[in-house]
């Protein structure tokens, strides 16, 4: 689909000082974007549209808020984001659309102050819980698969706000991830599902978790030792929690 003529003319404006108008029009035609030089000059000689004039007006108003003055100071409204700025303009009797404010602020790099999102804690020890012994001793190299599986979970910032969480189980021998799970809450259940996924996957392959050590953080929300009896009845999987 051919871009709008104002967009093509803007592109020519940005590069005509280097290449010239006619060569740019020829190059665009080769790529299927037809525009004659006279069309470009006619568009440049025409009067600006009502939208362009309105955008210029709003841009000047917002520049007086977000750009520092001669003393390097800005009014308190410069802390506003697009939504609060739109509401502020409405209170001032300026009938501007919310998306217009968003578009102009984004084009000029203006943004309000945002509160920093606090990263969630993924390891929350429970002082009252019994702590299992450390069976690994930070010896991560093993001679064969299914001898040591390491589990953990991490957080991923979501677009807009909030966090998502991903739990994964890693076979320490080759770094293979036989089980994983995603969730919007960091509870014990979603981490247990990752371990169940790994155990079921390895069982289908004919290599169940016999004589395996499951190692994870010593965290309140992580897998509890009862996991051995719940879903790995045929194996002798030892659960190891360490900080």
Protein backbone atom coordinates (compact mmCIF):
# COMPACT_ATOMS: atom_id res chain seq x y z
CA UNK A 1 0.00 0.00 0.00
CA UNK A 2 1.35 3.41 -0.99
CA UNK A 3 2.16 5.72 1.94
CA UNK A 4 0.28 8.99 2.24
CA UNK A 5 1.61 11.91 0.22
CA UNK A 6 2.47 14.03 3.30
CA UNK A 7 4.57 11.15 4.63
CA UNK A 8 6.41 10.77 1.32
CA UNK A 9 7.04 14.52 1.15
CA UNK A 10 8.38 14.46 4.70
CA UNK A 11 10.81 11.71 3.66
CA UNK A 12 11.95 13.79 0.69
CA UNK A 13 12.41 16.83 2.94
CA UNK A 14 14.72 14.85 5.19
CA UNK A 15 16.98 13.67 2.35
CA UNK A 16 16.72 16.21 -0.45
CA UNK A 17 19.72 18.15 0.87
CA UNK A 18 21.90 15.10 0.21
CA UNK A 19 20.38 13.51 -2.91
CA UNK A 20 18.03 16.06 -4.46
CA UNK A 21 14.32 15.85 -5.14
CA UNK A 22 14.36 14.26 -8.61
CA UNK A 23 16.78 11.39 -7.75
CA UNK A 24 14.75 10.59 -4.65
CA UNK A 25 11.52 10.46 -6.67
CA UNK A 26 13.19 8.11 -9.17
CA UNK A 27 14.47 5.85 -6.38
CA UNK A 28 11.04 5.74 -4.75
CA UNK A 29 9.45 4.82 -8.09
CA UNK A 30 11.81 1.83 -8.38
CA UNK A 31 10.48 0.62 -5.03
CA UNK A 32 6.85 1.06 -6.07
CA UNK A 33 6.22 4.44 -4.42
CA UNK A 34 5.17 6.70 -7.25
CA UNK A 35 5.47 10.44 -6.76
CA UNK A 36 6.34 13.05 -9.36
CA UNK A 37 8.63 15.98 -8.49
CA UNK A 38 5.84 18.42 -9.42
CA UNK A 39 3.55 16.64 -6.94
CA UNK A 40 6.12 17.18 -4.22
CA UNK A 41 6.54 20.88 -5.04
CA UNK A 42 2.77 21.39 -5.30
CA UNK A 43 2.31 19.79 -1.88
CA UNK A 44 5.00 22.02 -0.40
CA UNK A 45 3.42 25.15 -1.91
CA UNK A 46 -0.06 24.31 -0.59
CA UNK A 47 -1.40 25.76 2.63
CA UNK A 48 -1.04 23.59 5.75
CA UNK A 49 -4.03 21.49 6.69
CA UNK A 50 -6.25 22.20 9.67
CA UNK A 51 -4.73 19.23 11.49
CA UNK A 52 -1.21 20.52 10.90
CA UNK A 53 -2.16 23.94 12.22
CA UNK A 54 -3.87 22.41 15.26
CA UNK A 55 -0.85 20.18 15.93
CA UNK A 56 1.40 23.22 15.80
CA UNK A 57 -0.81 25.03 18.30
CA UNK A 58 -0.86 22.10 20.74
CA UNK A 59 2.88 21.57 20.29
CA UNK A 60 3.56 25.18 21.27
CA UNK A 61 1.33 24.84 24.34
CA UNK A 62 3.02 21.62 25.45
CA UNK A 63 6.48 23.04 24.74
CA UNK A 64 5.72 25.83 27.20
CA UNK A 65 5.12 23.14 29.83
CA UNK A 66 7.78 20.53 29.16
CA UNK A 67 10.63 22.68 27.84
CA UNK A 68 12.62 24.68 30.43
CA UNK A 69 12.44 28.44 30.32
CA UNK A 70 15.35 30.90 30.17
CA UNK A 71 16.15 30.14 33.82
CA UNK A 72 16.04 26.39 33.26
CA UNK A 73 12.80 25.95 35.20
CA UNK A 74 9.59 24.17 34.28
CA UNK A 75 6.10 24.41 35.80
CA UNK A 76 4.73 21.66 38.06
CA UNK A 77 2.55 20.42 35.18
CA UNK A 78 5.71 19.13 33.49
CA UNK A 79 5.42 16.13 35.81
CA UNK A 80 2.19 15.09 34.09
CA UNK A 81 1.99 12.18 31.74
CA UNK A 82 -0.15 12.26 28.61
CA UNK A 83 -3.39 11.35 30.40
CA UNK A 84 -3.04 13.95 33.14
CA UNK A 85 -1.87 16.53 30.63
CA UNK A 86 -4.93 15.89 28.47
CA UNK A 87 -7.17 16.34 31.53
CA UNK A 88 -5.28 19.54 32.41
CA UNK A 89 -5.84 20.96 28.91
CA UNK A 90 -9.53 20.08 29.13
CA UNK A 91 -9.78 22.06 32.38
CA UNK A 92 -8.09 24.97 30.61
CA UNK A 93 -10.84 24.90 27.96
CA UNK A 94 -8.62 23.51 25.17
CA UNK A 95 -10.71 20.87 23.32
CA UNK A 96 -7.87 18.59 22.27
CA UNK A 97 -8.21 14.85 21.80
CA UNK A 98 -6.38 12.53 24.18
CA UNK A 99 -4.65 10.67 21.35
CA UNK A 100 -3.44 13.97 19.90
CA UNK A 101 -1.71 14.77 23.17
CA UNK A 102 -0.21 11.28 23.27
CA UNK A 103 1.03 11.52 19.69
CA UNK A 104 2.62 14.97 20.06
CA UNK A 105 4.26 14.12 23.36
CA UNK A 106 5.65 10.91 21.93
CA UNK A 107 6.96 12.67 18.81
CA UNK A 108 8.79 15.28 20.90
CA UNK A 109 10.06 12.92 23.57
CA UNK A 110 8.03 14.53 26.35
CA UNK A 111 6.94 12.32 29.20
CA UNK A 112 5.88 12.73 32.77
CA UNK A 113 7.45 11.33 35.90
CA UNK A 114 6.73 7.66 36.49
CA UNK A 115 7.18 5.74 39.67
CA UNK A 116 9.88 3.11 39.44
CA UNK A 117 8.46 -0.38 39.62
CA UNK A 118 9.89 -2.30 42.52
CA UNK A 119 11.29 -5.60 41.38
CA UNK A 120 9.60 -8.51 43.14
CA UNK A 121 11.51 -10.81 45.43
CA UNK A 122 11.65 -14.37 44.14
CA UNK A 123 13.41 -15.84 47.18
CA UNK A 124 11.49 -15.41 50.44
CA UNK A 125 12.85 -17.75 53.14
CA UNK A 126 10.47 -19.04 55.77
CA UNK A 127 12.37 -18.97 59.09
CA UNK A 128 9.80 -21.31 60.67
CA UNK A 129 10.16 -24.03 58.04
CA UNK A 130 12.49 -26.99 58.47
CA UNK A 131 15.47 -26.68 56.18
CA UNK A 132 16.57 -29.73 54.20
CA UNK A 133 20.31 -30.48 54.01
CA UNK A 134 22.47 -29.25 51.15
CA UNK A 135 23.18 -32.40 49.11
CA UNK A 136 24.97 -30.63 46.27
CA UNK A 137 27.58 -28.51 47.98
CA UNK A 138 27.81 -26.33 44.85
CA UNK A 139 29.12 -29.27 42.82
CA UNK A 140 27.17 -28.63 39.63
CA UNK A 141 29.00 -31.03 37.32
CA UNK A 142 27.52 -34.52 37.18
CA UNK A 143 28.48 -37.56 35.14
CA UNK A 144 25.10 -38.36 33.57
CA UNK A 145 21.58 -36.97 33.04
CA UNK A 146 18.90 -37.29 35.74
CA UNK A 147 21.39 -37.15 38.60
CA UNK A 148 20.88 -33.47 39.44
CA UNK A 149 17.99 -31.23 38.42
CA UNK A 150 18.11 -27.56 39.41
CA UNK A 151 14.91 -25.54 39.69
CA UNK A 152 14.33 -21.82 39.99
CA UNK A 153 11.92 -19.12 38.87
CA UNK A 154 12.32 -15.56 37.73
CA UNK A 155 10.16 -12.55 36.95
CA UNK A 156 9.51 -10.79 33.64
CA UNK A 157 8.19 -7.17 33.52
CA UNK A 158 4.94 -6.96 31.59
CA UNK A 159 3.97 -4.17 29.21
CA UNK A 160 2.16 -1.46 31.13
CA UNK A 161 2.49 -2.73 34.69
CA UNK A 162 2.96 -5.83 36.74
CA UNK A 163 5.16 -8.87 36.42
CA UNK A 164 4.91 -12.38 35.06
CA UNK A 165 6.80 -15.35 36.44
CA UNK A 166 8.51 -18.31 34.78
CA UNK A 167 9.65 -21.43 36.62
CA UNK A 168 12.03 -23.87 34.99
CA UNK A 169 13.78 -27.13 35.80
CA UNK A 170 17.26 -27.66 34.36
CA UNK A 171 19.14 -30.95 34.08
CA UNK A 172 22.63 -30.01 35.29
CA UNK A 173 24.37 -32.56 33.06
CA UNK A 174 23.66 -30.87 29.70
CA UNK A 175 21.66 -27.76 30.58
CA UNK A 176 18.45 -29.23 29.14
CA UNK A 177 15.16 -27.77 30.38
CA UNK A 178 12.74 -30.70 30.65
CA UNK A 179 10.04 -28.73 32.46
CA UNK A 180 8.80 -25.15 32.75
CA UNK A 181 5.71 -23.20 33.70
CA UNK A 182 4.48 -19.58 33.48
CA UNK A 183 2.17 -17.77 35.85
CA UNK A 184 1.00 -14.31 36.90
CA UNK A 185 1.39 -15.20 40.59
CA UNK A 186 4.45 -16.52 42.41
CA UNK A 187 2.88 -19.30 44.42
CA UNK A 188 4.06 -22.79 45.22
CA UNK A 189 1.61 -24.41 42.83
CA UNK A 190 3.04 -23.02 39.63
CA UNK A 191 6.59 -24.04 40.57
CA UNK A 192 5.41 -27.54 41.46
CA UNK A 193 3.80 -27.80 38.04
CA UNK A 194 7.17 -27.12 36.44
CA UNK A 195 8.69 -30.05 38.36
CA UNK A 196 5.73 -32.28 37.52
CA UNK A 197 6.15 -31.30 33.87
CA UNK A 198 9.83 -32.26 33.96
CA UNK A 199 9.15 -35.56 35.74
CA UNK A 200 6.38 -36.52 33.30
CA UNK A 201 8.48 -35.56 30.30
CA UNK A 202 11.47 -37.64 31.41
CA UNK A 203 9.19 -40.57 32.26
CA UNK A 204 7.68 -40.50 28.75
CA UNK A 205 11.22 -40.63 27.38
CA UNK A 206 11.87 -43.76 29.42
CA UNK A 207 14.25 -42.02 31.82
CA UNK A 208 12.40 -41.32 35.09
CA UNK A 209 13.94 -39.34 37.92
CA UNK A 210 15.48 -42.33 39.76
CA UNK A 211 18.22 -41.48 42.25
CA UNK A 212 17.96 -37.79 41.28
CA UNK A 213 18.62 -34.78 43.47
CA UNK A 214 16.29 -31.81 43.06
CA UNK A 215 18.08 -28.61 44.06
CA UNK A 216 16.39 -25.23 44.48
CA UNK A 217 16.46 -22.03 46.50
CA UNK A 218 15.38 -22.23 50.10
CA UNK A 219 12.29 -20.14 49.55
CA UNK A 220 8.86 -20.03 51.11
CA UNK A 221 7.07 -20.16 47.77
CA UNK A 222 9.18 -22.92 46.29
CA UNK A 223 8.69 -26.67 46.14
CA UNK A 224 8.13 -28.41 49.46
CA UNK A 225 9.68 -31.77 50.39
CA UNK A 226 6.23 -33.42 50.15
CA UNK A 227 6.75 -33.19 46.38
CA UNK A 228 8.71 -36.45 46.55
CA UNK A 229 5.71 -38.40 47.74
CA UNK A 230 3.12 -36.60 45.65
CA UNK A 231 4.29 -37.02 42.09
CA UNK A 232 7.48 -39.10 42.07
CA UNK A 233 6.35 -42.32 43.79
CA UNK A 234 8.47 -44.68 41.70
CA UNK A 235 11.71 -42.74 41.99
CA UNK A 236 14.05 -41.97 44.81
CA UNK A 237 14.24 -38.21 44.25
CA UNK A 238 15.84 -36.32 47.12
CA UNK A 239 14.80 -32.71 47.61
CA UNK A 240 17.62 -30.32 48.50
CA UNK A 241 17.04 -26.70 49.51
CA UNK A 242 19.92 -24.28 49.88
CA UNK A 243 20.33 -20.51 49.90
